[in-house]
PDB file of all heavy atoms in Angstrom:
ATOM      1  N   LEU A   1      36.600 145.494   7.004  1.00  0.00           N
ATOM      2  CA  LEU A   1      36.937 145.156   8.412  1.00  0.00           C
ATOM      3  C   LEU A   1      38.532 144.990   8.399  1.00  0.00           C
ATOM      4  O   LEU A   1      39.244 145.459   9.372  1.00  0.00           O
ATOM      5  CB  LEU A   1      36.267 143.789   8.941  1.00  0.00           C
ATOM      6  CG  LEU A   1      34.856 143.816   8.948  1.00  0.00           C
ATOM      7  CD1 LEU A   1      34.330 142.541   9.431  1.00  0.00           C
ATOM      8  CD2 LEU A   1      34.363 144.942  10.010  1.00  0.00           C
ATOM      9  N   ARG A   2      39.091 144.301   7.388  1.00  0.00           N
ATOM     10  CA  ARG A   2      40.570 144.088   7.503  1.00  0.00           C
ATOM     11  C   ARG A   2      41.305 145.348   7.357  1.00  0.00           C
ATOM     12  O   ARG A   2      42.513 145.482   7.786  1.00  0.00           O
ATOM     13  CB  ARG A   2      40.897 143.091   6.312  1.00  0.00           C
ATOM     14  CG  ARG A   2      40.443 141.754   6.541  1.00  0.00           C
ATOM     15  CD  ARG A   2      41.097 141.176   7.748  1.00  0.00           C
ATOM     16  NE  ARG A   2      40.760 139.744   7.898  1.00  0.00           N
ATOM     17  CZ  ARG A   2      41.146 139.029   8.889  1.00  0.00           C
ATOM     18  NH1 ARG A   2      41.861 139.531   9.896  1.00  0.00           N
ATOM     19  NH2 ARG A   2      40.850 137.688   8.995  1.00  0.00           N
ATOM     20  N   ALA A   3      40.832 146.418   6.814  1.00  0.00           N
ATOM     21  CA  ALA A   3      41.443 147.718   6.673  1.00  0.00           C
ATOM     22  C   ALA A   3      41.786 148.283   8.038  1.00  0.00           C
ATOM     23  O   ALA A   3      42.743 149.069   8.110  1.00  0.00           O
ATOM     24  CB  ALA A   3      40.658 148.652   5.830  1.00  0.00           C
ATOM     25  N   GLY A   4      41.095 147.805   8.950  1.00  0.00           N
ATOM     26  CA  GLY A   4      41.373 148.314  10.333  1.00  0.00           C
ATOM     27  C   GLY A   4      42.197 147.415  11.257  1.00  0.00           C
ATOM     28  O   GLY A   4      42.518 147.710  12.324  1.00  0.00           O
ATOM     29  N   ASP A   5      42.726 146.364  10.596  1.00  0.00           N
ATOM     30  CA  ASP A   5      43.688 145.437  11.293  1.00  0.00           C
ATOM     31  C   ASP A   5      45.108 145.916  11.246  1.00  0.00           C
ATOM     32  O   ASP A   5      45.524 146.674  10.284  1.00  0.00           O
ATOM     33  CB  ASP A   5      43.544 144.021  10.657  1.00  0.00           C
ATOM     34  CG  ASP A   5      42.136 143.338  10.987  1.00  0.00           C
ATOM     35  OD1 ASP A   5      41.619 143.823  12.006  1.00  0.00           O
ATOM     36  OD2 ASP A   5      42.025 142.303  10.451  1.00  0.00           O
ATOM     37  N   TYR A   6      45.868 145.390  12.199  1.00  0.00           N
ATOM     38  CA  TYR A   6      47.381 145.624  12.101  1.00  0.00           C
ATOM     39  C   TYR A   6      47.986 144.421  11.463  1.00  0.00           C
ATOM     40  O   TYR A   6      47.420 143.334  11.359  1.00  0.00           O
ATOM     41  CB  TYR A   6      47.913 145.705  13.630  1.00  0.00           C
ATOM     42  CG  TYR A   6      47.510 146.993  14.234  1.00  0.00           C
ATOM     43  CD1 TYR A   6      46.296 147.011  15.041  1.00  0.00           C
ATOM     44  CD2 TYR A   6      48.205 148.137  14.125  1.00  0.00           C
ATOM     45  CE1 TYR A   6      45.942 148.201  15.733  1.00  0.00           C
ATOM     46  CE2 TYR A   6      47.825 149.396  14.676  1.00  0.00           C
ATOM     47  CZ  TYR A   6      46.743 149.323  15.595  1.00  0.00           C
ATOM     48  OH  TYR A   6      46.417 150.583  16.122  1.00  0.00           O
ATOM     49  N   PRO A   7      49.310 144.656  10.917  1.00  0.00           N
ATOM     50  CA  PRO A   7      49.791 143.397  10.201  1.00  0.00           C
ATOM     51  C   PRO A   7      49.904 142.106  10.936  1.00  0.00           C
ATOM     52  O   PRO A   7      49.688 141.031  10.326  1.00  0.00           O
ATOM     53  CB  PRO A   7      51.224 143.978   9.918  1.00  0.00           C
ATOM     54  CG  PRO A   7      51.052 145.442   9.715  1.00  0.00           C
ATOM     55  CD  PRO A   7      50.101 145.732  10.839  1.00  0.00           C
ATOM     56  N   HIS A   8      50.186 142.124  12.245  1.00  0.00           N
ATOM     57  CA  HIS A   8      50.325 140.913  12.899  1.00  0.00           C
ATOM     58  C   HIS A   8      48.970 140.091  13.101  1.00  0.00           C
ATOM     59  O   HIS A   8      48.832 138.927  13.564  1.00  0.00           O
ATOM     60  CB  HIS A   8      50.832 141.177  14.383  1.00  0.00           C
ATOM     61  CG  HIS A   8      49.878 141.774  15.308  1.00  0.00           C
ATOM     62  ND1 HIS A   8      49.754 143.175  15.422  1.00  0.00           N
ATOM     63  CD2 HIS A   8      48.922 141.350  16.148  1.00  0.00           C
ATOM     64  CE1 HIS A   8      48.765 143.526  16.289  1.00  0.00           C
ATOM     65  NE2 HIS A   8      48.336 142.329  16.764  1.00  0.00           N
ATOM     66  N   GLN A   9      47.797 140.856  12.755  1.00  0.00           N
ATOM     67  CA  GLN A   9      46.598 140.143  12.894  1.00  0.00           C
ATOM     68  C   GLN A   9      46.210 139.368  11.587  1.00  0.00           C
ATOM     69  O   GLN A   9      45.235 138.736  11.436  1.00  0.00           O
ATOM     70  CB  GLN A   9      45.433 141.293  13.100  1.00  0.00           C
ATOM     71  CG  GLN A   9      45.622 141.810  14.513  1.00  0.00           C
ATOM     72  CD  GLN A   9      44.579 142.913  14.714  1.00  0.00           C
ATOM     73  OE1 GLN A   9      44.716 144.062  14.160  1.00  0.00           O
ATOM     74  NE2 GLN A   9      43.474 142.654  15.469  1.00  0.00           N
ATOM     75  N   LEU A  10      47.150 139.424  10.557  1.00  0.00           N
ATOM     76  CA  LEU A  10      46.852 138.808   9.218  1.00  0.00           C
ATOM     77  C   LEU A  10      47.759 137.631   9.118  1.00  0.00           C
ATOM     78  O   LEU A  10      48.963 137.635   9.682  1.00  0.00           O
ATOM     79  CB  LEU A  10      47.146 139.793   8.168  1.00  0.00           C
ATOM     80  CG  LEU A  10      46.345 141.027   8.140  1.00  0.00           C
ATOM     81  CD1 LEU A  10      46.671 141.911   6.936  1.00  0.00           C
ATOM     82  CD2 LEU A  10      44.741 140.906   8.102  1.00  0.00           C
ATOM     83  N   SER A  11      47.386 136.648   8.422  1.00  0.00           N
ATOM     84  CA  SER A  11      48.302 135.498   7.989  1.00  0.00           C
ATOM     85  C   SER A  11      49.331 135.872   6.962  1.00  0.00           C
ATOM     86  O   SER A  11      49.273 137.092   6.417  1.00  0.00           O
ATOM     87  CB  SER A  11      47.426 134.369   7.362  1.00  0.00           C
ATOM     88  OG  SER A  11      46.940 134.805   6.105  1.00  0.00           O
ATOM     89  N   GLY A  12      50.367 135.014   6.753  1.00  0.00           N
ATOM     90  CA  GLY A  12      51.454 135.448   5.886  1.00  0.00           C
ATOM     91  C   GLY A  12      50.954 135.677   4.377  1.00  0.00           C
ATOM     92  O   GLY A  12      51.400 136.631   3.818  1.00  0.00           O
ATOM     93  N   GLY A  13      50.030 134.817   4.036  1.00  0.00           N
ATOM     94  CA  GLY A  13      49.486 135.033   2.673  1.00  0.00           C
ATOM     95  C   GLY A  13      48.687 136.328   2.494  1.00  0.00           C
ATOM     96  O   GLY A  13      48.802 136.996   1.515  1.00  0.00           O
ATOM     97  N   MET A  14      48.022 136.673   3.621  1.00  0.00           N
ATOM     98  CA  MET A  14      47.197 137.989   3.573  1.00  0.00           C
ATOM     99  C   MET A  14      48.063 139.136   3.537  1.00  0.00           C
ATOM    100  O   MET A  14      47.770 140.188   2.970  1.00  0.00           O
ATOM    101  CB  MET A  14      46.121 137.982   4.669  1.00  0.00           C
ATOM    102  CG  MET A  14      45.088 136.951   4.525  1.00  0.00           C
ATOM    103  SD  MET A  14      43.869 136.932   5.767  1.00  0.00           S
ATOM    104  CE  MET A  14      42.982 138.453   5.389  1.00  0.00           C
ATOM    105  N   ARG A  15      49.189 139.089   4.433  1.00  0.00           N
ATOM    106  CA  ARG A  15      50.138 140.211   4.483  1.00  0.00           C
ATOM    107  C   ARG A  15      50.781 140.384   3.064  1.00  0.00           C
ATOM    108  O   ARG A  15      51.004 141.478   2.635  1.00  0.00           O
ATOM    109  CB  ARG A  15      51.239 139.888   5.477  1.00  0.00           C
ATOM    110  CG  ARG A  15      50.729 140.097   6.942  1.00  0.00           C
ATOM    111  CD  ARG A  15      51.849 140.155   7.867  1.00  0.00           C
ATOM    112  NE  ARG A  15      52.733 139.000   7.832  1.00  0.00           N
ATOM    113  CZ  ARG A  15      52.582 138.028   8.809  1.00  0.00           C
ATOM    114  NH1 ARG A  15      51.593 138.114   9.703  1.00  0.00           N
ATOM    115  NH2 ARG A  15      53.422 136.944   8.791  1.00  0.00           N
ATOM    116  N   GLN A  16      51.084 139.227   2.387  1.00  0.00           N
ATOM    117  CA  GLN A  16      51.694 139.413   1.013  1.00  0.00           C
ATOM    118  C   GLN A  16      50.628 139.941   0.074  1.00  0.00           C
ATOM    119  O   GLN A  16      51.042 140.819  -0.731  1.00  0.00           O
ATOM    120  CB  GLN A  16      52.059 137.942   0.643  1.00  0.00           C
ATOM    121  CG  GLN A  16      52.940 138.090  -0.696  1.00  0.00           C
ATOM    122  CD  GLN A  16      54.328 138.760  -0.430  1.00  0.00           C
ATOM    123  OE1 GLN A  16      54.474 139.883  -0.145  1.00  0.00           O
ATOM    124  NE2 GLN A  16      55.368 137.990  -0.572  1.00  0.00           N
ATOM    125  N   ARG A  17      49.422 139.722   0.204  1.00  0.00           N
ATOM    126  CA  ARG A  17      48.346 140.309  -0.584  1.00  0.00           C
ATOM    127  C   ARG A  17      48.202 141.824  -0.364  1.00  0.00           C
ATOM    128  O   ARG A  17      48.159 142.667  -1.276  1.00  0.00           O
ATOM    129  CB  ARG A  17      47.046 139.743  -0.303  1.00  0.00           C
ATOM    130  CG  ARG A  17      46.880 138.314  -0.927  1.00  0.00           C
ATOM    131  CD  ARG A  17      45.690 137.597  -0.503  1.00  0.00           C
ATOM    132  NE  ARG A  17      45.624 136.207  -0.931  1.00  0.00           N
ATOM    133  CZ  ARG A  17      45.207 135.715  -2.015  1.00  0.00           C
ATOM    134  NH1 ARG A  17      44.594 136.579  -2.872  1.00  0.00           N
ATOM    135  NH2 ARG A  17      45.202 134.502  -2.326  1.00  0.00           N
ATOM    136  N   VAL A  18      48.433 142.249   0.955  1.00  0.00           N
ATOM    137  CA  VAL A  18      48.507 143.702   1.290  1.00  0.00           C
ATOM    138  C   VAL A  18      49.656 144.384   0.567  1.00  0.00           C
ATOM    139  O   VAL A  18      49.559 145.423   0.060  1.00  0.00           O
ATOM    140  CB  VAL A  18      48.482 143.891   2.811  1.00  0.00           C
ATOM    141  CG1 VAL A  18      48.687 145.368   3.122  1.00  0.00           C
ATOM    142  CG2 VAL A  18      47.183 143.430   3.437  1.00  0.00           C
ATOM    143  N   VAL A  19      50.838 143.745   0.721  1.00  0.00           N
ATOM    144  CA  VAL A  19      52.000 144.269  -0.006  1.00  0.00           C
ATOM    145  C   VAL A  19      51.716 144.401  -1.476  1.00  0.00           C
ATOM    146  O   VAL A  19      52.101 145.438  -2.134  1.00  0.00           O
ATOM    147  CB  VAL A  19      53.153 143.439   0.283  1.00  0.00           C
ATOM    148  CG1 VAL A  19      54.378 143.906  -0.417  1.00  0.00           C
ATOM    149  CG2 VAL A  19      53.510 143.466   1.819  1.00  0.00           C
ATOM    150  N   ILE A  20      51.066 143.399  -2.057  1.00  0.00           N
ATOM    151  CA  ILE A  20      50.831 143.621  -3.548  1.00  0.00           C
ATOM    152  C   ILE A  20      49.909 144.805  -3.872  1.00  0.00           C
ATOM    153  O   ILE A  20      50.070 145.498  -4.738  1.00  0.00           O
ATOM    154  CB  ILE A  20      50.258 142.091  -4.027  1.00  0.00           C
ATOM    155  CG1 ILE A  20      51.234 141.208  -3.980  1.00  0.00           C
ATOM    156  CG2 ILE A  20      49.634 142.324  -5.450  1.00  0.00           C
ATOM    157  CD1 ILE A  20      50.731 139.736  -4.268  1.00  0.00           C
ATOM    158  N   ALA A  21      48.851 144.856  -2.960  1.00  0.00           N
ATOM    159  CA  ALA A  21      47.888 145.973  -3.086  1.00  0.00           C
ATOM    160  C   ALA A  21      48.622 147.294  -3.067  1.00  0.00           C
ATOM    161  O   ALA A  21      48.278 148.272  -3.884  1.00  0.00           O
ATOM    162  CB  ALA A  21      46.732 145.860  -1.969  1.00  0.00           C
ATOM    163  N   MET A  22      49.617 147.506  -2.097  1.00  0.00           N
ATOM    164  CA  MET A  22      50.283 148.717  -1.940  1.00  0.00           C
ATOM    165  C   MET A  22      51.126 148.982  -3.232  1.00  0.00           C
ATOM    166  O   MET A  22      51.195 150.092  -3.780  1.00  0.00           O
ATOM    167  CB  MET A  22      51.175 148.583  -0.724  1.00  0.00           C
ATOM    168  CG  MET A  22      50.490 148.607   0.565  1.00  0.00           C
ATOM    169  SD  MET A  22      51.494 148.409   2.015  1.00  0.00           S
ATOM    170  CE  MET A  22      52.295 149.995   2.094  1.00  0.00           C
ATOM    171  N   ALA A  23      51.746 147.868  -3.748  1.00  0.00           N
ATOM    172  CA  ALA A  23      52.609 148.045  -4.894  1.00  0.00           C
ATOM    173  C   ALA A  23      51.825 148.482  -6.115  1.00  0.00           C
ATOM    174  O   ALA A  23      52.325 149.161  -6.993  1.00  0.00           O
ATOM    175  CB  ALA A  23      53.362 146.719  -5.212  1.00  0.00           C
ATOM    176  N   LEU A  24      50.570 147.927  -6.198  1.00  0.00           N
ATOM    177  CA  LEU A  24      49.771 148.182  -7.411  1.00  0.00           C
ATOM    178  C   LEU A  24      48.691 149.244  -7.334  1.00  0.00           C
ATOM    179  O   LEU A  24      47.957 149.532  -8.225  1.00  0.00           O
ATOM    180  CB  LEU A  24      49.090 146.840  -7.867  1.00  0.00           C
ATOM    181  CG  LEU A  24      50.033 145.723  -8.140  1.00  0.00           C
ATOM    182  CD1 LEU A  24      49.157 144.570  -8.565  1.00  0.00           C
ATOM    183  CD2 LEU A  24      51.031 145.977  -9.119  1.00  0.00           C
ATOM    184  N   ALA A  25      48.811 149.952  -6.069  1.00  0.00           N
ATOM    185  CA  ALA A  25      47.728 150.913  -5.835  1.00  0.00           C
ATOM    186  C   ALA A  25      47.650 152.028  -6.950  1.00  0.00           C
ATOM    187  O   ALA A  25      46.506 152.404  -7.344  1.00  0.00           O
ATOM    188  CB  ALA A  25      47.965 151.539  -4.432  1.00  0.00           C
ATOM    189  N   CYS A  26      48.745 152.553  -7.454  1.00  0.00           N
ATOM    190  CA  CYS A  26      48.768 153.555  -8.487  1.00  0.00           C
ATOM    191  C   CYS A  26      48.862 153.156  -9.774  1.00  0.00           C
ATOM    192  O   CYS A  26      49.201 153.866 -10.700  1.00  0.00           O
ATOM    193  CB  CYS A  26      49.841 154.587  -8.028  1.00  0.00           C
ATOM    194  SG  CYS A  26      49.542 155.471  -6.487  1.00  0.00           S
TER     195      CYS A  26
END
């Protein structure tokens, strides 16, 4: 469900987790 959200719909901690996911994806 969260994959369909926009950044403003997430808390600061969850946005940071998304950034970590992007950094470690590969």
